[in-house]
Amino acid sequence: MNDEVTFRKMTVDDVDAVFEIEHSSFSLPWTKEAFHYEMMENRHAYYVLAETSDGIVGFCGLWIVMDECHVTNIAIRPEQRGKKLGEKLMIAAMETAKENGAKAMTLEARVSNTIARNLYEKLGFKNGGIRKSYYSDNFEDAIVMWVNFDE
């Protein structure tokens, strides 16, 4: 099996595949309509796709506004997890943000999601505070994390 992963910008033709990954990854998944909106209407949205010989295996949504980038969502197909694809995708997303003028990147993660939080810390993200009861499915807190690219 070829483990090579490539990255590219998402298009509206990728919505079904991205929605499938989203739906299998989150307890509060975005709708297909939300992804269509991101592709067709949101001029700040930029989605990075990870592809292997198995097709689209992950995505990372970014909103790049002025010199700041907000990660909206990031997910890897459940059967593809544990292969460092999330780390590679996040690095590609960070490079994309920089290439598009971002000087900093932020995201929220569930306090209980230690795997994601450890990855973000490994990539230089720092704790920026807590959003109390951020997730509406179980009212779990979110940790806000930031990385400044010029540090």
N, C-alpha and C. Protein backbone atom coordinates (compact mmCIF):
# COMPACT_ATOMS: atom_id res chain seq x y z
N MET A 1 0.83 -1.19 0.00
CA MET A 1 0.00 0.00 0.00
C MET A 1 0.87 1.25 0.00
N ASN A 2 0.50 2.21 -0.79
CA ASN A 2 1.22 3.47 -0.86
C ASN A 2 0.70 4.40 0.22
N ASP A 3 1.56 4.79 1.16
CA ASP A 3 1.16 5.65 2.26
C ASP A 3 1.36 7.13 1.96
N GLU A 4 1.69 7.47 0.72
CA GLU A 4 1.91 8.86 0.37
C GLU A 4 0.62 9.65 0.53
N VAL A 5 0.75 10.81 1.15
CA VAL A 5 -0.39 11.70 1.33
C VAL A 5 -0.10 13.00 0.61
N THR A 6 -1.12 13.50 -0.09
CA THR A 6 -1.02 14.79 -0.76
C THR A 6 -2.10 15.70 -0.20
N PHE A 7 -1.90 16.98 -0.37
CA PHE A 7 -2.83 17.98 0.16
C PHE A 7 -3.28 18.89 -0.97
N ARG A 8 -4.54 19.27 -0.92
CA ARG A 8 -5.07 20.20 -1.92
C ARG A 8 -6.24 20.97 -1.33
N LYS A 9 -6.63 22.02 -2.03
CA LYS A 9 -7.76 22.84 -1.63
C LYS A 9 -9.06 22.12 -1.96
N MET A 10 -10.00 22.16 -1.05
CA MET A 10 -11.32 21.56 -1.26
C MET A 10 -12.12 22.37 -2.27
N THR A 11 -12.95 21.65 -3.04
CA THR A 11 -13.91 22.29 -3.95
C THR A 11 -15.30 21.81 -3.59
N VAL A 12 -16.30 22.40 -4.21
CA VAL A 12 -17.68 22.01 -3.94
C VAL A 12 -17.92 20.54 -4.31
N ASP A 13 -17.15 20.01 -5.26
CA ASP A 13 -17.29 18.60 -5.64
C ASP A 13 -16.87 17.64 -4.52
N ASP A 14 -16.17 18.14 -3.52
CA ASP A 14 -15.68 17.32 -2.42
C ASP A 14 -16.61 17.30 -1.22
N VAL A 15 -17.72 18.03 -1.28
CA VAL A 15 -18.59 18.18 -0.12
C VAL A 15 -19.09 16.84 0.40
N ASP A 16 -19.53 15.95 -0.46
CA ASP A 16 -20.07 14.67 0.01
C ASP A 16 -19.02 13.87 0.79
N ALA A 17 -17.81 13.81 0.27
CA ALA A 17 -16.75 13.06 0.94
C ALA A 17 -16.39 13.70 2.28
N VAL A 18 -16.31 15.02 2.31
CA VAL A 18 -15.97 15.72 3.55
C VAL A 18 -17.10 15.55 4.57
N PHE A 19 -18.34 15.65 4.11
CA PHE A 19 -19.47 15.46 5.01
C PHE A 19 -19.45 14.07 5.64
N GLU A 20 -19.10 13.08 4.85
CA GLU A 20 -19.03 11.70 5.36
C GLU A 20 -18.00 11.59 6.49
N ILE A 21 -16.84 12.20 6.29
CA ILE A 21 -15.80 12.19 7.33
C ILE A 21 -16.28 12.96 8.56
N GLU A 22 -16.86 14.12 8.33
CA GLU A 22 -17.39 14.95 9.43
C GLU A 22 -18.41 14.16 10.25
N HIS A 23 -19.34 13.52 9.55
CA HIS A 23 -20.43 12.80 10.22
C HIS A 23 -19.90 11.61 11.03
N SER A 24 -18.83 10.98 10.55
CA SER A 24 -18.27 9.83 11.27
C SER A 24 -17.32 10.24 12.39
N SER A 25 -17.05 11.55 12.50
CA SER A 25 -16.03 12.01 13.45
C SER A 25 -16.56 12.81 14.63
N PHE A 26 -17.72 13.44 14.48
CA PHE A 26 -18.17 14.38 15.50
C PHE A 26 -19.58 14.07 15.98
N SER A 27 -19.83 14.33 17.26
CA SER A 27 -21.17 14.14 17.82
C SER A 27 -22.11 15.26 17.38
N LEU A 28 -21.57 16.39 16.96
CA LEU A 28 -22.36 17.51 16.45
C LEU A 28 -21.85 17.88 15.05
N PRO A 29 -22.07 17.01 14.06
CA PRO A 29 -21.50 17.28 12.73
C PRO A 29 -22.17 18.45 12.02
N TRP A 30 -21.37 19.12 11.20
CA TRP A 30 -21.91 20.15 10.33
C TRP A 30 -22.79 19.47 9.28
N THR A 31 -23.68 20.23 8.70
CA THR A 31 -24.56 19.72 7.64
C THR A 31 -23.87 19.86 6.29
N LYS A 32 -24.38 19.13 5.31
CA LYS A 32 -23.88 19.30 3.94
C LYS A 32 -24.08 20.74 3.48
N GLU A 33 -25.20 21.32 3.86
CA GLU A 33 -25.49 22.71 3.48
C GLU A 33 -24.43 23.66 4.03
N ALA A 34 -23.96 23.39 5.23
CA ALA A 34 -22.92 24.24 5.82
C ALA A 34 -21.64 24.17 4.99
N PHE A 35 -21.28 22.96 4.55
CA PHE A 35 -20.07 22.83 3.72
C PHE A 35 -20.27 23.47 2.35
N HIS A 36 -21.46 23.35 1.79
CA HIS A 36 -21.75 24.05 0.53
C HIS A 36 -21.59 25.55 0.70
N TYR A 37 -22.12 26.07 1.79
CA TYR A 37 -21.98 27.49 2.08
C TYR A 37 -20.51 27.88 2.18
N GLU A 38 -19.73 27.07 2.88
CA GLU A 38 -18.31 27.36 3.02
C GLU A 38 -17.63 27.46 1.64
N MET A 39 -17.97 26.56 0.74
CA MET A 39 -17.34 26.52 -0.57
C MET A 39 -17.86 27.63 -1.50
N MET A 40 -19.12 27.96 -1.39
CA MET A 40 -19.74 28.86 -2.38
C MET A 40 -19.88 30.31 -1.91
N GLU A 41 -19.99 30.52 -0.60
CA GLU A 41 -20.33 31.86 -0.10
C GLU A 41 -19.29 32.49 0.82
N ASN A 42 -18.61 31.68 1.62
CA ASN A 42 -17.72 32.23 2.64
C ASN A 42 -16.35 32.52 2.03
N ARG A 43 -16.11 33.79 1.76
CA ARG A 43 -14.85 34.17 1.12
C ARG A 43 -13.64 34.01 2.04
N HIS A 44 -13.89 33.79 3.33
CA HIS A 44 -12.79 33.59 4.28
C HIS A 44 -12.43 32.12 4.46
N ALA A 45 -13.27 31.22 3.91
CA ALA A 45 -13.07 29.79 4.13
C ALA A 45 -12.03 29.22 3.18
N TYR A 46 -11.19 28.35 3.72
CA TYR A 46 -10.21 27.60 2.94
C TYR A 46 -10.11 26.24 3.60
N TYR A 47 -10.41 25.20 2.86
CA TYR A 47 -10.36 23.85 3.40
C TYR A 47 -9.23 23.07 2.74
N VAL A 48 -8.39 22.47 3.55
CA VAL A 48 -7.28 21.66 3.08
C VAL A 48 -7.70 20.19 3.18
N LEU A 49 -7.56 19.46 2.07
CA LEU A 49 -7.88 18.04 2.04
C LEU A 49 -6.61 17.21 2.06
N ALA A 50 -6.67 16.08 2.74
CA ALA A 50 -5.60 15.08 2.72
C ALA A 50 -6.09 13.91 1.88
N GLU A 51 -5.28 13.51 0.90
CA GLU A 51 -5.64 12.40 0.03
C GLU A 51 -4.53 11.37 0.00
N THR A 52 -4.94 10.11 -0.05
CA THR A 52 -4.01 9.01 -0.27
C THR A 52 -4.58 8.18 -1.42
N SER A 53 -3.99 7.03 -1.65
CA SER A 53 -4.52 6.14 -2.69
C SER A 53 -5.94 5.69 -2.36
N ASP A 54 -6.36 5.85 -1.09
CA ASP A 54 -7.72 5.51 -0.66
C ASP A 54 -8.71 6.65 -0.90
N GLY A 55 -8.25 7.77 -1.46
CA GLY A 55 -9.13 8.92 -1.68
C GLY A 55 -8.95 9.96 -0.59
N ILE A 56 -9.98 10.77 -0.37
CA ILE A 56 -9.93 11.81 0.66
C ILE A 56 -10.00 11.12 2.02
N VAL A 57 -8.99 11.35 2.83
CA VAL A 57 -8.92 10.70 4.14
C VAL A 57 -9.04 11.69 5.29
N GLY A 58 -9.02 12.99 4.98
CA GLY A 58 -9.13 13.98 6.03
C GLY A 58 -9.31 15.37 5.47
N PHE A 59 -9.71 16.27 6.35
CA PHE A 59 -9.87 17.67 5.96
C PHE A 59 -9.63 18.57 7.16
N CYS A 60 -9.27 19.81 6.86
CA CYS A 60 -9.11 20.83 7.89
C CYS A 60 -9.71 22.12 7.35
N GLY A 61 -10.70 22.64 8.06
CA GLY A 61 -11.35 23.89 7.67
C GLY A 61 -10.69 25.07 8.34
N LEU A 62 -10.46 26.10 7.55
CA LEU A 62 -9.84 27.33 8.05
C LEU A 62 -10.70 28.53 7.66
N TRP A 63 -10.77 29.48 8.54
CA TRP A 63 -11.28 30.80 8.21
C TRP A 63 -10.11 31.75 8.37
N ILE A 64 -9.68 32.32 7.28
CA ILE A 64 -8.55 33.25 7.30
C ILE A 64 -9.09 34.65 7.13
N VAL A 65 -9.00 35.43 8.20
CA VAL A 65 -9.52 36.80 8.22
C VAL A 65 -8.37 37.71 8.63
N MET A 66 -8.06 38.61 7.71
CA MET A 66 -6.93 39.52 7.92
C MET A 66 -5.68 38.67 8.16
N ASP A 67 -5.04 38.84 9.33
CA ASP A 67 -3.81 38.09 9.59
C ASP A 67 -4.01 37.00 10.64
N GLU A 68 -5.26 36.55 10.80
CA GLU A 68 -5.56 35.52 11.78
C GLU A 68 -6.30 34.36 11.12
N CYS A 69 -6.00 33.16 11.56
CA CYS A 69 -6.64 31.97 11.03
C CYS A 69 -7.32 31.21 12.17
N HIS A 70 -8.57 30.85 11.94
CA HIS A 70 -9.33 30.06 12.91
C HIS A 70 -9.59 28.68 12.30
N VAL A 71 -9.20 27.63 13.00
CA VAL A 71 -9.50 26.28 12.55
C VAL A 71 -10.95 25.98 12.94
N THR A 72 -11.78 25.71 11.94
CA THR A 72 -13.19 25.43 12.21
C THR A 72 -13.41 23.98 12.57
N ASN A 73 -12.74 23.09 11.87
CA ASN A 73 -12.87 21.66 12.12
C ASN A 73 -11.72 20.93 11.42
N ILE A 74 -11.35 19.81 12.01
CA ILE A 74 -10.31 18.96 11.42
C ILE A 74 -10.68 17.53 11.76
N ALA A 75 -10.60 16.66 10.77
CA ALA A 75 -10.98 15.26 11.00
C ALA A 75 -10.27 14.35 10.01
N ILE A 76 -10.02 13.15 10.48
CA ILE A 76 -9.45 12.06 9.68
C ILE A 76 -10.46 10.91 9.71
N ARG A 77 -10.62 10.23 8.57
CA ARG A 77 -11.50 9.06 8.54
C ARG A 77 -11.15 8.13 9.69
N PRO A 78 -12.16 7.62 10.41
CA PRO A 78 -11.86 6.77 11.58
C PRO A 78 -10.91 5.61 11.26
N GLU A 79 -11.07 4.96 10.13
CA GLU A 79 -10.22 3.80 9.81
C GLU A 79 -8.80 4.21 9.39
N GLN A 80 -8.57 5.50 9.22
CA GLN A 80 -7.24 5.99 8.83
C GLN A 80 -6.49 6.64 9.99
N ARG A 81 -7.10 6.68 11.16
CA ARG A 81 -6.45 7.32 12.31
C ARG A 81 -5.29 6.48 12.82
N GLY A 82 -4.37 7.14 13.52
CA GLY A 82 -3.21 6.44 14.08
C GLY A 82 -2.06 6.30 13.10
N LYS A 83 -2.14 7.00 11.97
CA LYS A 83 -1.09 6.92 10.94
C LYS A 83 -0.35 8.25 10.77
N LYS A 84 -0.52 9.15 11.73
CA LYS A 84 0.10 10.49 11.69
C LYS A 84 -0.48 11.39 10.60
N LEU A 85 -1.62 11.01 10.02
CA LEU A 85 -2.24 11.83 8.99
C LEU A 85 -2.76 13.15 9.55
N GLY A 86 -3.29 13.12 10.77
CA GLY A 86 -3.77 14.35 11.39
C GLY A 86 -2.65 15.36 11.59
N GLU A 87 -1.49 14.87 12.01
CA GLU A 87 -0.34 15.76 12.19
C GLU A 87 0.10 16.35 10.85
N LYS A 88 0.19 15.51 9.84
CA LYS A 88 0.59 16.00 8.51
C LYS A 88 -0.42 17.01 7.97
N LEU A 89 -1.70 16.72 8.18
CA LEU A 89 -2.76 17.63 7.73
C LEU A 89 -2.68 18.96 8.46
N MET A 90 -2.47 18.92 9.76
CA MET A 90 -2.38 20.16 10.54
C MET A 90 -1.18 20.99 10.11
N ILE A 91 -0.06 20.34 9.84
CA ILE A 91 1.13 21.06 9.36
C ILE A 91 0.82 21.71 8.01
N ALA A 92 0.15 20.98 7.11
CA ALA A 92 -0.23 21.53 5.81
C ALA A 92 -1.19 22.71 5.98
N ALA A 93 -2.12 22.61 6.93
CA ALA A 93 -3.06 23.69 7.19
C ALA A 93 -2.33 24.93 7.73
N MET A 94 -1.36 24.71 8.61
CA MET A 94 -0.58 25.83 9.14
C MET A 94 0.20 26.51 8.03
N GLU A 95 0.79 25.73 7.13
CA GLU A 95 1.52 26.31 5.99
C GLU A 95 0.57 27.09 5.09
N THR A 96 -0.62 26.55 4.86
CA THR A 96 -1.63 27.24 4.04
C THR A 96 -2.01 28.57 4.67
N ALA A 97 -2.21 28.57 5.99
CA ALA A 97 -2.56 29.81 6.68
C ALA A 97 -1.46 30.86 6.51
N LYS A 98 -0.21 30.43 6.71
CA LYS A 98 0.92 31.35 6.55
C LYS A 98 0.98 31.90 5.12
N GLU A 99 0.82 31.01 4.14
CA GLU A 99 0.87 31.41 2.73
C GLU A 99 -0.22 32.42 2.39
N ASN A 100 -1.31 32.40 3.16
CA ASN A 100 -2.43 33.31 2.92
C ASN A 100 -2.41 34.50 3.88
N GLY A 101 -1.26 34.77 4.49
CA GLY A 101 -1.07 35.99 5.26
C GLY A 101 -1.34 35.91 6.75
N ALA A 102 -1.68 34.73 7.26
CA ALA A 102 -1.95 34.62 8.70
C ALA A 102 -0.65 34.68 9.50
N LYS A 103 -0.72 35.41 10.59
CA LYS A 103 0.41 35.51 11.51
C LYS A 103 0.16 34.67 12.76
N ALA A 104 -1.09 34.24 12.94
CA ALA A 104 -1.46 33.43 14.11
C ALA A 104 -2.61 32.51 13.74
N MET A 105 -2.75 31.44 14.50
CA MET A 105 -3.82 30.47 14.28
C MET A 105 -4.42 30.11 15.63
N THR A 106 -5.74 29.92 15.64
CA THR A 106 -6.43 29.55 16.86
C THR A 106 -7.41 28.42 16.58
N LEU A 107 -7.77 27.71 17.64
CA LEU A 107 -8.75 26.63 17.54
C LEU A 107 -9.30 26.35 18.93
N GLU A 108 -10.41 25.62 18.97
CA GLU A 108 -10.95 25.10 20.22
C GLU A 108 -10.88 23.59 20.17
N ALA A 109 -10.62 22.99 21.31
CA ALA A 109 -10.63 21.53 21.43
C ALA A 109 -11.35 21.16 22.72
N ARG A 110 -12.03 20.03 22.67
CA ARG A 110 -12.67 19.55 23.90
C ARG A 110 -11.59 19.34 24.96
N VAL A 111 -11.89 19.74 26.17
CA VAL A 111 -10.94 19.56 27.27
C VAL A 111 -10.56 18.08 27.39
N SER A 112 -11.50 17.17 27.12
CA SER A 112 -11.25 15.74 27.24
C SER A 112 -10.47 15.14 26.07
N ASN A 113 -10.26 15.90 25.00
CA ASN A 113 -9.60 15.36 23.80
C ASN A 113 -8.09 15.51 23.93
N THR A 114 -7.51 14.66 24.75
CA THR A 114 -6.07 14.77 25.03
C THR A 114 -5.22 14.43 23.80
N ILE A 115 -5.69 13.55 22.94
CA ILE A 115 -4.91 13.22 21.73
C ILE A 115 -4.75 14.47 20.86
N ALA A 116 -5.85 15.17 20.61
CA ALA A 116 -5.78 16.39 19.79
C ALA A 116 -4.97 17.47 20.51
N ARG A 117 -5.22 17.67 21.78
CA ARG A 117 -4.50 18.71 22.51
C ARG A 117 -3.00 18.45 22.51
N ASN A 118 -2.60 17.19 22.68
CA ASN A 118 -1.17 16.86 22.64
C ASN A 118 -0.57 17.16 21.27
N LEU A 119 -1.32 16.86 20.20
CA LEU A 119 -0.83 17.17 18.86
C LEU A 119 -0.65 18.68 18.70
N TYR A 120 -1.65 19.45 19.09
CA TYR A 120 -1.56 20.90 18.93
C TYR A 120 -0.39 21.47 19.73
N GLU A 121 -0.19 20.97 20.95
CA GLU A 121 0.95 21.43 21.76
C GLU A 121 2.27 21.08 21.07
N LYS A 122 2.35 19.88 20.51
CA LYS A 122 3.55 19.45 19.78
C LYS A 122 3.86 20.41 18.63
N LEU A 123 2.80 20.97 18.01
CA LEU A 123 2.96 21.87 16.87
C LEU A 123 3.11 23.33 17.30
N GLY A 124 3.20 23.58 18.61
CA GLY A 124 3.49 24.93 19.10
C GLY A 124 2.31 25.70 19.64
N PHE A 125 1.13 25.12 19.66
CA PHE A 125 -0.04 25.82 20.20
C PHE A 125 0.07 25.92 21.72
N LYS A 126 -0.39 27.05 22.24
CA LYS A 126 -0.40 27.31 23.68
C LYS A 126 -1.84 27.49 24.15
N ASN A 127 -2.05 27.22 25.44
CA ASN A 127 -3.35 27.39 26.06
C ASN A 127 -3.71 28.88 26.10
N GLY A 128 -4.88 29.21 25.55
CA GLY A 128 -5.33 30.60 25.56
C GLY A 128 -6.54 30.83 26.43
N GLY A 129 -6.98 29.81 27.15
CA GLY A 129 -8.13 29.98 28.03
C GLY A 129 -9.16 28.88 27.82
N ILE A 130 -10.26 29.02 28.54
CA ILE A 130 -11.33 28.03 28.52
C ILE A 130 -12.63 28.72 28.08
N ARG A 131 -13.37 28.05 27.21
CA ARG A 131 -14.74 28.47 26.89
C ARG A 131 -15.64 27.50 27.66
N LYS A 132 -16.29 28.01 28.69
CA LYS A 132 -17.14 27.18 29.55
C LYS A 132 -18.35 26.67 28.77
N SER A 133 -18.65 25.39 28.94
CA SER A 133 -19.86 24.75 28.37
C SER A 133 -19.99 25.01 26.87
N TYR A 134 -18.88 24.98 26.16
CA TYR A 134 -18.83 25.34 24.74
C TYR A 134 -19.60 24.36 23.85
N TYR A 135 -19.52 23.09 24.16
CA TYR A 135 -20.13 22.06 23.30
C TYR A 135 -21.56 21.78 23.75
N SER A 136 -22.50 21.96 22.84
CA SER A 136 -23.91 21.88 23.21
C SER A 136 -24.41 20.45 23.39
N ASP A 137 -23.66 19.45 22.94
CA ASP A 137 -24.14 18.06 23.13
C ASP A 137 -24.01 17.61 24.57
N ASN A 138 -22.94 18.04 25.26
CA ASN A 138 -22.76 17.62 26.65
C ASN A 138 -22.25 18.76 27.55
N PHE A 139 -22.21 19.97 26.98
CA PHE A 139 -21.79 21.18 27.70
C PHE A 139 -20.36 21.10 28.24
N GLU A 140 -19.55 20.31 27.55
CA GLU A 140 -18.14 20.22 27.90
C GLU A 140 -17.44 21.54 27.59
N ASP A 141 -16.44 21.85 28.41
CA ASP A 141 -15.63 23.04 28.16
C ASP A 141 -14.72 22.81 26.96
N ALA A 142 -14.37 23.92 26.31
CA ALA A 142 -13.37 23.88 25.24
C ALA A 142 -12.13 24.63 25.71
N ILE A 143 -10.98 24.12 25.35
CA ILE A 143 -9.74 24.85 25.57
C ILE A 143 -9.45 25.61 24.27
N VAL A 144 -9.16 26.89 24.41
CA VAL A 144 -8.79 27.72 23.27
C VAL A 144 -7.28 27.67 23.17
N MET A 145 -6.78 27.37 21.98
CA MET A 145 -5.34 27.26 21.80
C MET A 145 -4.91 28.19 20.67
N TRP A 146 -3.72 28.76 20.81
CA TRP A 146 -3.16 29.72 19.85
C TRP A 146 -1.73 29.34 19.50
N VAL A 147 -1.35 29.67 18.27
CA VAL A 147 0.04 29.63 17.90
C VAL A 147 0.33 30.90 17.10
N ASN A 148 1.43 31.56 17.41
CA ASN A 148 1.90 32.70 16.63
C ASN A 148 3.01 32.21 15.73
N PHE A 149 2.89 32.48 14.44
CA PHE A 149 3.84 31.94 13.48
C PHE A 149 5.20 32.63 13.51
N ASP A 150 5.27 33.84 14.04
CA ASP A 150 6.54 34.58 14.03
C ASP A 150 7.33 34.40 15.32
N GLU A 151 6.91 33.46 16.15
CA GLU A 151 7.67 33.22 17.40
C GLU A 151 8.68 32.11 17.20
